[in-house]
Every structure is written in structure tokens, then in C-alpha cells.
Amino acid sequence: MKSAYELAMERLNQDGPQTSLTDEQKAKLAEVDSLYQSKVAEKEVFLSDLIAKAMEAQDFHEVAQLEEQKRREIARLEEKREDEKEKIRHG
């Protein structure tokens, strides 16, 4: 089964020609990926620690809120990563 990303990439390839990236663009894309991977990992560690503390205190309402916050913040970071990568590809 293909992921949503793979399906979207297939559709993009069908819609238009694929442009090749320069070595400089590839390096910048790798740098953006690395930067955002570290930011996501940092958020996951920080919020997972808070979730664990809330679980110990049996504050399940707080656990739910923190899990939702973790999901939102990671999604926001991934969206920012993709925006930056698009700017590099097309800018």
C-alpha cells in the first residue's frame, strides 16, 4: 500500500515535467530536512517527557491535551519544512 506522499508524487509526475535540481539545491534541501528533523525530535522528547509526568500524576485530561499539542506542533513543523523545500525547488 502506498503512502499519501507517494500517491501525491505520482500525480505530480503525471501532471508536469520533472525538473532536475542543482547540487546546491540538493544540499539546501538536505540541510532543511536535517534542521527540521532535529526540531521535530526536540519537540517529541520535550512533550513526551511532559506526557510521562502527567501519566504518573494520572492527569489523563492533561495527557490528552499534551498529545494533541504534540501532534499539532509536529504537523506545523512538517508543513514549514515542506514550504521551505518548495521555495528552494522553485526559487
PDB file of N, CA and C in Angstrom:
ATOM      1  N   MET A   1       0.850  -1.173   0.000  1.00  0.00           N
ATOM      2  CA  MET A   1       0.000   0.000   0.000  1.00  0.00           C
ATOM      3  C   MET A   1       0.897   1.238   0.000  1.00  0.00           C
ATOM      4  N   LYS A   2       0.572   2.198  -0.841  1.00  0.00           N
ATOM      5  CA  LYS A   2       1.377   3.404  -0.965  1.00  0.00           C
ATOM      6  C   LYS A   2       0.910   4.461   0.025  1.00  0.00           C
ATOM      7  N   SER A   3       1.862   5.255   0.460  1.00  0.00           N
ATOM      8  CA  SER A   3       1.526   6.344   1.376  1.00  0.00           C
ATOM      9  C   SER A   3       0.905   7.496   0.588  1.00  0.00           C
ATOM     10  N   ALA A   4       0.280   8.404   1.307  1.00  0.00           N
ATOM     11  CA  ALA A   4      -0.322   9.573   0.664  1.00  0.00           C
ATOM     12  C   ALA A   4       0.746  10.381  -0.066  1.00  0.00           C
ATOM     13  N   TYR A   5       1.939  10.444   0.519  1.00  0.00           N
ATOM     14  CA  TYR A   5       3.046  11.174  -0.105  1.00  0.00           C
ATOM     15  C   TYR A   5       3.407  10.547  -1.450  1.00  0.00           C
ATOM     16  N   GLU A   6       3.521   9.230  -1.482  1.00  0.00           N
ATOM     17  CA  GLU A   6       3.883   8.546  -2.725  1.00  0.00           C
ATOM     18  C   GLU A   6       2.818   8.749  -3.798  1.00  0.00           C
ATOM     19  N   LEU A   7       1.555   8.685  -3.398  1.00  0.00           N
ATOM     20  CA  LEU A   7       0.477   8.908  -4.357  1.00  0.00           C
ATOM     21  C   LEU A   7       0.496  10.335  -4.897  1.00  0.00           C
ATOM     22  N   ALA A   8       0.741  11.297  -4.019  1.00  0.00           N
ATOM     23  CA  ALA A   8       0.807  12.694  -4.451  1.00  0.00           C
ATOM     24  C   ALA A   8       1.974  12.903  -5.413  1.00  0.00           C
ATOM     25  N   MET A   9       3.103  12.280  -5.126  1.00  0.00           N
ATOM     26  CA  MET A   9       4.260  12.424  -6.007  1.00  0.00           C
ATOM     27  C   MET A   9       3.981  11.815  -7.383  1.00  0.00           C
ATOM     28  N   GLU A  10       3.275  10.706  -7.419  1.00  0.00           N
ATOM     29  CA  GLU A  10       2.925  10.108  -8.706  1.00  0.00           C
ATOM     30  C   GLU A  10       2.039  11.042  -9.511  1.00  0.00           C
ATOM     31  N   ARG A  11       1.066  11.656  -8.842  1.00  0.00           N
ATOM     32  CA  ARG A  11       0.185  12.602  -9.534  1.00  0.00           C
ATOM     33  C   ARG A  11       0.964  13.809 -10.033  1.00  0.00           C
ATOM     34  N   LEU A  12       1.874  14.300  -9.236  1.00  0.00           N
ATOM     35  CA  LEU A  12       2.687  15.440  -9.664  1.00  0.00           C
ATOM     36  C   LEU A  12       3.518  15.088 -10.891  1.00  0.00           C
ATOM     37  N   ASN A  13       4.076  13.911 -10.905  1.00  0.00           N
ATOM     38  CA  ASN A  13       4.893  13.485 -12.041  1.00  0.00           C
ATOM     39  C   ASN A  13       4.052  13.336 -13.296  1.00  0.00           C
ATOM     40  N   GLN A  14       2.807  12.967 -13.155  1.00  0.00           N
ATOM     41  CA  GLN A  14       1.928  12.824 -14.304  1.00  0.00           C
ATOM     42  C   GLN A  14       1.484  14.184 -14.831  1.00  0.00           C
ATOM     43  N   ASP A  15       1.338  15.164 -13.938  1.00  0.00           N
ATOM     44  CA  ASP A  15       0.820  16.472 -14.319  1.00  0.00           C
ATOM     45  C   ASP A  15       1.828  17.339 -15.055  1.00  0.00           C
ATOM     46  N   GLY A  16       3.085  17.204 -14.774  1.00  0.00           N
ATOM     47  CA  GLY A  16       4.060  18.092 -15.384  1.00  0.00           C
ATOM     48  C   GLY A  16       5.421  17.451 -15.462  1.00  0.00           C
ATOM     49  N   PRO A  17       6.296  18.111 -16.164  1.00  0.00           N
ATOM     50  CA  PRO A  17       7.647  17.569 -16.293  1.00  0.00           C
ATOM     51  C   PRO A  17       8.418  17.696 -14.990  1.00  0.00           C
ATOM     52  N   GLN A  18       9.303  16.771 -14.784  1.00  0.00           N
ATOM     53  CA  GLN A  18      10.141  16.773 -13.585  1.00  0.00           C
ATOM     54  C   GLN A  18      11.363  17.630 -13.876  1.00  0.00           C
ATOM     55  N   THR A  19      11.638  18.573 -12.992  1.00  0.00           N
ATOM     56  CA  THR A  19      12.824  19.399 -13.161  1.00  0.00           C
ATOM     57  C   THR A  19      13.957  18.801 -12.338  1.00  0.00           C
ATOM     58  N   SER A  20      15.151  18.911 -12.858  1.00  0.00           N
ATOM     59  CA  SER A  20      16.290  18.393 -12.110  1.00  0.00           C
ATOM     60  C   SER A  20      16.821  19.491 -11.197  1.00  0.00           C
ATOM     61  N   LEU A  21      17.317  19.071 -10.067  1.00  0.00           N
ATOM     62  CA  LEU A  21      17.820  20.007  -9.074  1.00  0.00           C
ATOM     63  C   LEU A  21      19.333  20.136  -9.197  1.00  0.00           C
ATOM     64  N   THR A  22      19.816  21.322  -8.880  1.00  0.00           N
ATOM     65  CA  THR A  22      21.262  21.527  -8.868  1.00  0.00           C
ATOM     66  C   THR A  22      21.834  20.909  -7.596  1.00  0.00           C
ATOM     67  N   ASP A  23      23.137  20.742  -7.584  1.00  0.00           N
ATOM     68  CA  ASP A  23      23.792  20.216  -6.381  1.00  0.00           C
ATOM     69  C   ASP A  23      23.578  21.145  -5.200  1.00  0.00           C
ATOM     70  N   GLU A  24      23.578  22.448  -5.463  1.00  0.00           N
ATOM     71  CA  GLU A  24      23.355  23.433  -4.398  1.00  0.00           C
ATOM     72  C   GLU A  24      21.947  23.284  -3.816  1.00  0.00           C
ATOM     73  N   GLN A  25      20.951  23.102  -4.694  1.00  0.00           N
ATOM     74  CA  GLN A  25      19.571  22.912  -4.221  1.00  0.00           C
ATOM     75  C   GLN A  25      19.457  21.630  -3.412  1.00  0.00           C
ATOM     76  N   LYS A  26      20.094  20.572  -3.874  1.00  0.00           N
ATOM     77  CA  LYS A  26      20.056  19.302  -3.143  1.00  0.00           C
ATOM     78  C   LYS A  26      20.670  19.457  -1.761  1.00  0.00           C
ATOM     79  N   ALA A  27      21.766  20.191  -1.681  1.00  0.00           N
ATOM     80  CA  ALA A  27      22.421  20.411  -0.388  1.00  0.00           C
ATOM     81  C   ALA A  27      21.521  21.221   0.541  1.00  0.00           C
ATOM     82  N   LYS A  28      20.875  22.240  -0.008  1.00  0.00           N
ATOM     83  CA  LYS A  28      19.967  23.056   0.799  1.00  0.00           C
ATOM     84  C   LYS A  28      18.772  22.236   1.274  1.00  0.00           C
ATOM     85  N   LEU A  29      18.245  21.386   0.408  1.00  0.00           N
ATOM     86  CA  LEU A  29      17.116  20.528   0.791  1.00  0.00           C
ATOM     87  C   LEU A  29      17.531  19.585   1.913  1.00  0.00           C
ATOM     88  N   ALA A  30      18.718  19.016   1.808  1.00  0.00           N
ATOM     89  CA  ALA A  30      19.208  18.120   2.852  1.00  0.00           C
ATOM     90  C   ALA A  30      19.392  18.874   4.163  1.00  0.00           C
ATOM     91  N   GLU A  31      19.865  20.105   4.070  1.00  0.00           N
ATOM     92  CA  GLU A  31      20.056  20.934   5.267  1.00  0.00           C
ATOM     93  C   GLU A  31      18.710  21.237   5.932  1.00  0.00           C
ATOM     94  N   VAL A  32      17.701  21.561   5.123  1.00  0.00           N
ATOM     95  CA  VAL A  32      16.362  21.835   5.663  1.00  0.00           C
ATOM     96  C   VAL A  32      15.802  20.584   6.326  1.00  0.00           C
ATOM     97  N   ASP A  33      15.956  19.434   5.670  1.00  0.00           N
ATOM     98  CA  ASP A  33      15.478  18.179   6.259  1.00  0.00           C
ATOM     99  C   ASP A  33      16.145  17.915   7.603  1.00  0.00           C
ATOM    100  N   SER A  34      17.440  18.083   7.645  1.00  0.00           N
ATOM    101  CA  SER A  34      18.188  17.842   8.874  1.00  0.00           C
ATOM    102  C   SER A  34      17.741  18.783   9.990  1.00  0.00           C
ATOM    103  N   LEU A  35      17.586  20.057   9.651  1.00  0.00           N
ATOM    104  CA  LEU A  35      17.163  21.049  10.632  1.00  0.00           C
ATOM    105  C   LEU A  35      15.799  20.705  11.218  1.00  0.00           C
ATOM    106  N   TYR A  36      14.859  20.377  10.345  1.00  0.00           N
ATOM    107  CA  TYR A  36      13.508  20.101  10.828  1.00  0.00           C
ATOM    108  C   TYR A  36      13.393  18.737  11.505  1.00  0.00           C
ATOM    109  N   GLN A  37      14.218  17.785  11.119  1.00  0.00           N
ATOM    110  CA  GLN A  37      14.234  16.513  11.839  1.00  0.00           C
ATOM    111  C   GLN A  37      14.664  16.732  13.281  1.00  0.00           C
ATOM    112  N   SER A  38      15.651  17.602  13.461  1.00  0.00           N
ATOM    113  CA  SER A  38      16.108  17.871  14.825  1.00  0.00           C
ATOM    114  C   SER A  38      15.055  18.641  15.616  1.00  0.00           C
ATOM    115  N   LYS A  39      14.349  19.565  14.953  1.00  0.00           N
ATOM    116  CA  LYS A  39      13.291  20.310  15.648  1.00  0.00           C
ATOM    117  C   LYS A  39      12.145  19.388  16.056  1.00  0.00           C
ATOM    118  N   VAL A  40      11.770  18.473  15.163  1.00  0.00           N
ATOM    119  CA  VAL A  40      10.702  17.516  15.472  1.00  0.00           C
ATOM    120  C   VAL A  40      11.130  16.612  16.623  1.00  0.00           C
ATOM    121  N   ALA A  41      12.362  16.130  16.582  1.00  0.00           N
ATOM    122  CA  ALA A  41      12.856  15.264  17.652  1.00  0.00           C
ATOM    123  C   ALA A  41      12.869  15.997  18.985  1.00  0.00           C
ATOM    124  N   GLU A  42      13.272  17.256  18.962  1.00  0.00           N
ATOM    125  CA  GLU A  42      13.294  18.061  20.182  1.00  0.00           C
ATOM    126  C   GLU A  42      11.888  18.205  20.767  1.00  0.00           C
ATOM    127  N   LYS A  43      10.903  18.503  19.908  1.00  0.00           N
ATOM    128  CA  LYS A  43       9.513  18.635  20.374  1.00  0.00           C
ATOM    129  C   LYS A  43       9.006  17.318  20.925  1.00  0.00           C
ATOM    130  N   GLU A  44       9.307  16.223  20.225  1.00  0.00           N
ATOM    131  CA  GLU A  44       8.845  14.911  20.673  1.00  0.00           C
ATOM    132  C   GLU A  44       9.403  14.561  22.041  1.00  0.00           C
ATOM    133  N   VAL A  45      10.679  14.803  22.241  1.00  0.00           N
ATOM    134  CA  VAL A  45      11.314  14.485  23.524  1.00  0.00           C
ATOM    135  C   VAL A  45      10.706  15.342  24.630  1.00  0.00           C
ATOM    136  N   PHE A  46      10.611  16.639  24.380  1.00  0.00           N
ATOM    137  CA  PHE A  46      10.094  17.560  25.386  1.00  0.00           C
ATOM    138  C   PHE A  46       8.649  17.208  25.772  1.00  0.00           C
ATOM    139  N   LEU A  47       7.790  17.057  24.768  1.00  0.00           N
ATOM    140  CA  LEU A  47       6.386  16.792  25.069  1.00  0.00           C
ATOM    141  C   LEU A  47       6.166  15.371  25.580  1.00  0.00           C
ATOM    142  N   SER A  48       6.960  14.420  25.128  1.00  0.00           N
ATOM    143  CA  SER A  48       6.833  13.055  25.648  1.00  0.00           C
ATOM    144  C   SER A  48       7.189  13.008  27.125  1.00  0.00           C
ATOM    145  N   ASP A  49       8.169  13.812  27.520  1.00  0.00           N
ATOM    146  CA  ASP A  49       8.532  13.896  28.934  1.00  0.00           C
ATOM    147  C   ASP A  49       7.368  14.474  29.750  1.00  0.00           C
ATOM    148  N   LEU A  50       6.745  15.522  29.231  1.00  0.00           N
ATOM    149  CA  LEU A  50       5.589  16.103  29.930  1.00  0.00           C
ATOM    150  C   LEU A  50       4.420  15.122  29.998  1.00  0.00           C
ATOM    151  N   ILE A  51       4.229  14.364  28.930  1.00  0.00           N
ATOM    152  CA  ILE A  51       3.155  13.361  28.900  1.00  0.00           C
ATOM    153  C   ILE A  51       3.429  12.284  29.949  1.00  0.00           C
ATOM    154  N   ALA A  52       4.679  11.845  30.044  1.00  0.00           N
ATOM    155  CA  ALA A  52       5.035  10.826  31.035  1.00  0.00           C
ATOM    156  C   ALA A  52       4.778  11.333  32.455  1.00  0.00           C
ATOM    157  N   LYS A  53       5.125  12.594  32.718  1.00  0.00           N
ATOM    158  CA  LYS A  53       4.880  13.171  34.040  1.00  0.00           C
ATOM    159  C   LYS A  53       3.384  13.267  34.335  1.00  0.00           C
ATOM    160  N   ALA A  54       2.599  13.625  33.337  1.00  0.00           N
ATOM    161  CA  ALA A  54       1.156  13.709  33.519  1.00  0.00           C
ATOM    162  C   ALA A  54       0.562  12.316  33.752  1.00  0.00           C
ATOM    163  N   MET A  55       1.122  11.310  33.079  1.00  0.00           N
ATOM    164  CA  MET A  55       0.658   9.931  33.284  1.00  0.00           C
ATOM    165  C   MET A  55       0.952   9.477  34.710  1.00  0.00           C
ATOM    166  N   GLU A  56       2.138   9.814  35.205  1.00  0.00           N
ATOM    167  CA  GLU A  56       2.495   9.452  36.577  1.00  0.00           C
ATOM    168  C   GLU A  56       1.539  10.084  37.576  1.00  0.00           C
ATOM    169  N   ALA A  57       1.127  11.310  37.281  1.00  0.00           N
ATOM    170  CA  ALA A  57       0.198  12.022  38.155  1.00  0.00           C
ATOM    171  C   ALA A  57      -1.248  11.611  37.888  1.00  0.00           C
ATOM    172  N   GLN A  58      -1.447  10.741  36.902  1.00  0.00           N
ATOM    173  CA  GLN A  58      -2.772  10.258  36.494  1.00  0.00           C
ATOM    174  C   GLN A  58      -3.705  11.406  36.111  1.00  0.00           C
ATOM    175  N   ASP A  59      -3.124  12.417  35.472  1.00  0.00           N
ATOM    176  CA  ASP A  59      -3.887  13.548  34.960  1.00  0.00           C
ATOM    177  C   ASP A  59      -4.167  13.284  33.479  1.00  0.00           C
ATOM    178  N   PHE A  60      -5.193  12.477  33.231  1.00  0.00           N
ATOM    179  CA  PHE A  60      -5.464  11.999  31.879  1.00  0.00           C
ATOM    180  C   PHE A  60      -5.985  13.099  30.965  1.00  0.00           C
ATOM    181  N   HIS A  61      -6.611  14.098  31.526  1.00  0.00           N
ATOM    182  CA  HIS A  61      -7.043  15.246  30.721  1.00  0.00           C
ATOM    183  C   HIS A  61      -5.812  15.985  30.190  1.00  0.00           C
ATOM    184  N   GLU A  62      -4.827  16.179  31.033  1.00  0.00           N
ATOM    185  CA  GLU A  62      -3.571  16.829  30.635  1.00  0.00           C
ATOM    186  C   GLU A  62      -2.830  15.980  29.598  1.00  0.00           C
ATOM    187  N   VAL A  63      -2.854  14.669  29.776  1.00  0.00           N
ATOM    188  CA  VAL A  63      -2.211  13.764  28.820  1.00  0.00           C
ATOM    189  C   VAL A  63      -2.825  13.954  27.433  1.00  0.00           C
ATOM    190  N   ALA A  64      -4.149  13.988  27.378  1.00  0.00           N
ATOM    191  CA  ALA A  64      -4.833  14.160  26.089  1.00  0.00           C
ATOM    192  C   ALA A  64      -4.474  15.498  25.454  1.00  0.00           C
ATOM    193  N   GLN A  65      -4.438  16.541  26.274  1.00  0.00           N
ATOM    194  CA  GLN A  65      -4.090  17.865  25.749  1.00  0.00           C
ATOM    195  C   GLN A  65      -2.661  17.897  25.227  1.00  0.00           C
ATOM    196  N   LEU A  66      -1.744  17.297  25.958  1.00  0.00           N
ATOM    197  CA  LEU A  66      -0.345  17.277  25.538  1.00  0.00           C
ATOM    198  C   LEU A  66      -0.140  16.444  24.274  1.00  0.00           C
ATOM    199  N   GLU A  67      -0.844  15.339  24.168  1.00  0.00           N
ATOM    200  CA  GLU A  67      -0.734  14.525  22.950  1.00  0.00           C
ATOM    201  C   GLU A  67      -1.251  15.286  21.744  1.00  0.00           C
ATOM    202  N   GLU A  68      -2.339  16.021  21.923  1.00  0.00           N
ATOM    203  CA  GLU A  68      -2.877  16.835  20.829  1.00  0.00           C
ATOM    204  C   GLU A  68      -1.898  17.954  20.481  1.00  0.00           C
ATOM    205  N   GLN A  69      -1.311  18.583  21.477  1.00  0.00           N
ATOM    206  CA  GLN A  69      -0.331  19.639  21.244  1.00  0.00           C
ATOM    207  C   GLN A  69       0.874  19.082  20.478  1.00  0.00           C
ATOM    208  N   LYS A  70       1.318  17.901  20.874  1.00  0.00           N
ATOM    209  CA  LYS A  70       2.448  17.251  20.208  1.00  0.00           C
ATOM    210  C   LYS A  70       2.118  16.997  18.733  1.00  0.00           C
ATOM    211  N   ARG A  71       0.933  16.481  18.477  1.00  0.00           N
ATOM    212  CA  ARG A  71       0.515  16.204  17.102  1.00  0.00           C
ATOM    213  C   ARG A  71       0.473  17.483  16.275  1.00  0.00           C
ATOM    214  N   ARG A  72      -0.121  18.558  16.845  1.00  0.00           N
ATOM    215  CA  ARG A  72      -0.242  19.833  16.127  1.00  0.00           C
ATOM    216  C   ARG A  72       1.124  20.449  15.842  1.00  0.00           C
ATOM    217  N   GLU A  73       1.998  20.456  16.832  1.00  0.00           N
ATOM    218  CA  GLU A  73       3.300  21.085  16.658  1.00  0.00           C
ATOM    219  C   GLU A  73       4.168  20.333  15.649  1.00  0.00           C
ATOM    220  N   ILE A  74       4.103  19.023  15.666  1.00  0.00           N
ATOM    221  CA  ILE A  74       4.867  18.242  14.695  1.00  0.00           C
ATOM    222  C   ILE A  74       4.318  18.474  13.291  1.00  0.00           C
ATOM    223  N   ALA A  75       3.000  18.508  13.150  1.00  0.00           N
ATOM    224  CA  ALA A  75       2.392  18.784  11.842  1.00  0.00           C
ATOM    225  C   ALA A  75       2.788  20.167  11.348  1.00  0.00           C
ATOM    226  N   ARG A  76       2.817  21.147  12.258  1.00  0.00           N
ATOM    227  CA  ARG A  76       3.198  22.519  11.894  1.00  0.00           C
ATOM    228  C   ARG A  76       4.648  22.555  11.413  1.00  0.00           C
ATOM    229  N   LEU A  77       5.526  21.866  12.112  1.00  0.00           N
ATOM    230  CA  LEU A  77       6.929  21.826  11.713  1.00  0.00           C
ATOM    231  C   LEU A  77       7.105  21.136  10.359  1.00  0.00           C
ATOM    232  N   GLU A  78       6.371  20.062  10.138  1.00  0.00           N
ATOM    233  CA  GLU A  78       6.473  19.357   8.860  1.00  0.00           C
ATOM    234  C   GLU A  78       5.950  20.223   7.719  1.00  0.00           C
ATOM    235  N   GLU A  79       4.900  20.992   7.985  1.00  0.00           N
ATOM    236  CA  GLU A  79       4.372  21.899   6.972  1.00  0.00           C
ATOM    237  C   GLU A  79       5.398  22.994   6.648  1.00  0.00           C
ATOM    238  N   LYS A  80       6.030  23.544   7.679  1.00  0.00           N
ATOM    239  CA  LYS A  80       7.055  24.562   7.457  1.00  0.00           C
ATOM    240  C   LYS A  80       8.228  23.996   6.668  1.00  0.00           C
ATOM    241  N   ARG A  81       8.600  22.752   6.972  1.00  0.00           N
ATOM    242  CA  ARG A  81       9.685  22.101   6.239  1.00  0.00           C
ATOM    243  C   ARG A  81       9.341  21.996   4.759  1.00  0.00           C
ATOM    244  N   GLU A  82       8.143  21.538   4.465  1.00  0.00           N
ATOM    245  CA  GLU A  82       7.746  21.390   3.065  1.00  0.00           C
ATOM    246  C   GLU A  82       7.655  22.736   2.359  1.00  0.00           C
ATOM    247  N   ASP A  83       7.189  23.770   3.062  1.00  0.00           N
ATOM    248  CA  ASP A  83       7.146  25.116   2.470  1.00  0.00           C
ATOM    249  C   ASP A  83       8.545  25.594   2.107  1.00  0.00           C
ATOM    250  N   GLU A  84       9.492  25.417   3.015  1.00  0.00           N
ATOM    251  CA  GLU A  84      10.869  25.833   2.754  1.00  0.00           C
ATOM    252  C   GLU A  84      11.477  25.048   1.596  1.00  0.00           C
ATOM    253  N   LYS A  85      11.182  23.753   1.539  1.00  0.00           N
ATOM    254  CA  LYS A  85      11.712  22.928   0.463  1.00  0.00           C
ATOM    255  C   LYS A  85      11.126  23.352  -0.885  1.00  0.00           C
ATOM    256  N   GLU A  86       9.853  23.709  -0.907  1.00  0.00           N
ATOM    257  CA  GLU A  86       9.233  24.181  -2.151  1.00  0.00           C
ATOM    258  C   GLU A  86       9.872  25.479  -2.616  1.00  0.00           C
ATOM    259  N   LYS A  87      10.171  26.372  -1.690  1.00  0.00           N
ATOM    260  CA  LYS A  87      10.836  27.622  -2.047  1.00  0.00           C
ATOM    261  C   LYS A  87      12.200  27.353  -2.667  1.00  0.00           C
ATOM    262  N   ILE A  88      12.906  26.380  -2.129  1.00  0.00           N
ATOM    263  CA  ILE A  88      14.219  26.036  -2.677  1.00  0.00           C
ATOM    264  C   ILE A  88      14.069  25.445  -4.071  1.00  0.00           C
ATOM    265  N   ARG A  89      13.095  24.566  -4.236  1.00  0.00           N
ATOM    266  CA  ARG A  89      12.900  23.916  -5.533  1.00  0.00           C
ATOM    267  C   ARG A  89      12.511  24.900  -6.619  1.00  0.00           C
ATOM    268  N   HIS A  90      11.673  25.889  -6.263  1.00  0.00           N
ATOM    269  CA  HIS A  90      11.132  26.804  -7.258  1.00  0.00           C
ATOM    270  C   HIS A  90      11.721  28.197  -7.190  1.00  0.00           C
ATOM    271  N   GLY A  91      12.553  28.475  -6.204  1.00  0.00           N
ATOM    272  CA  GLY A  91      13.061  29.821  -6.038  1.00  0.00           C
ATOM    273  C   GLY A  91      14.459  29.915  -6.477  1.00  0.00           C
TER     274      GLY A  91
END
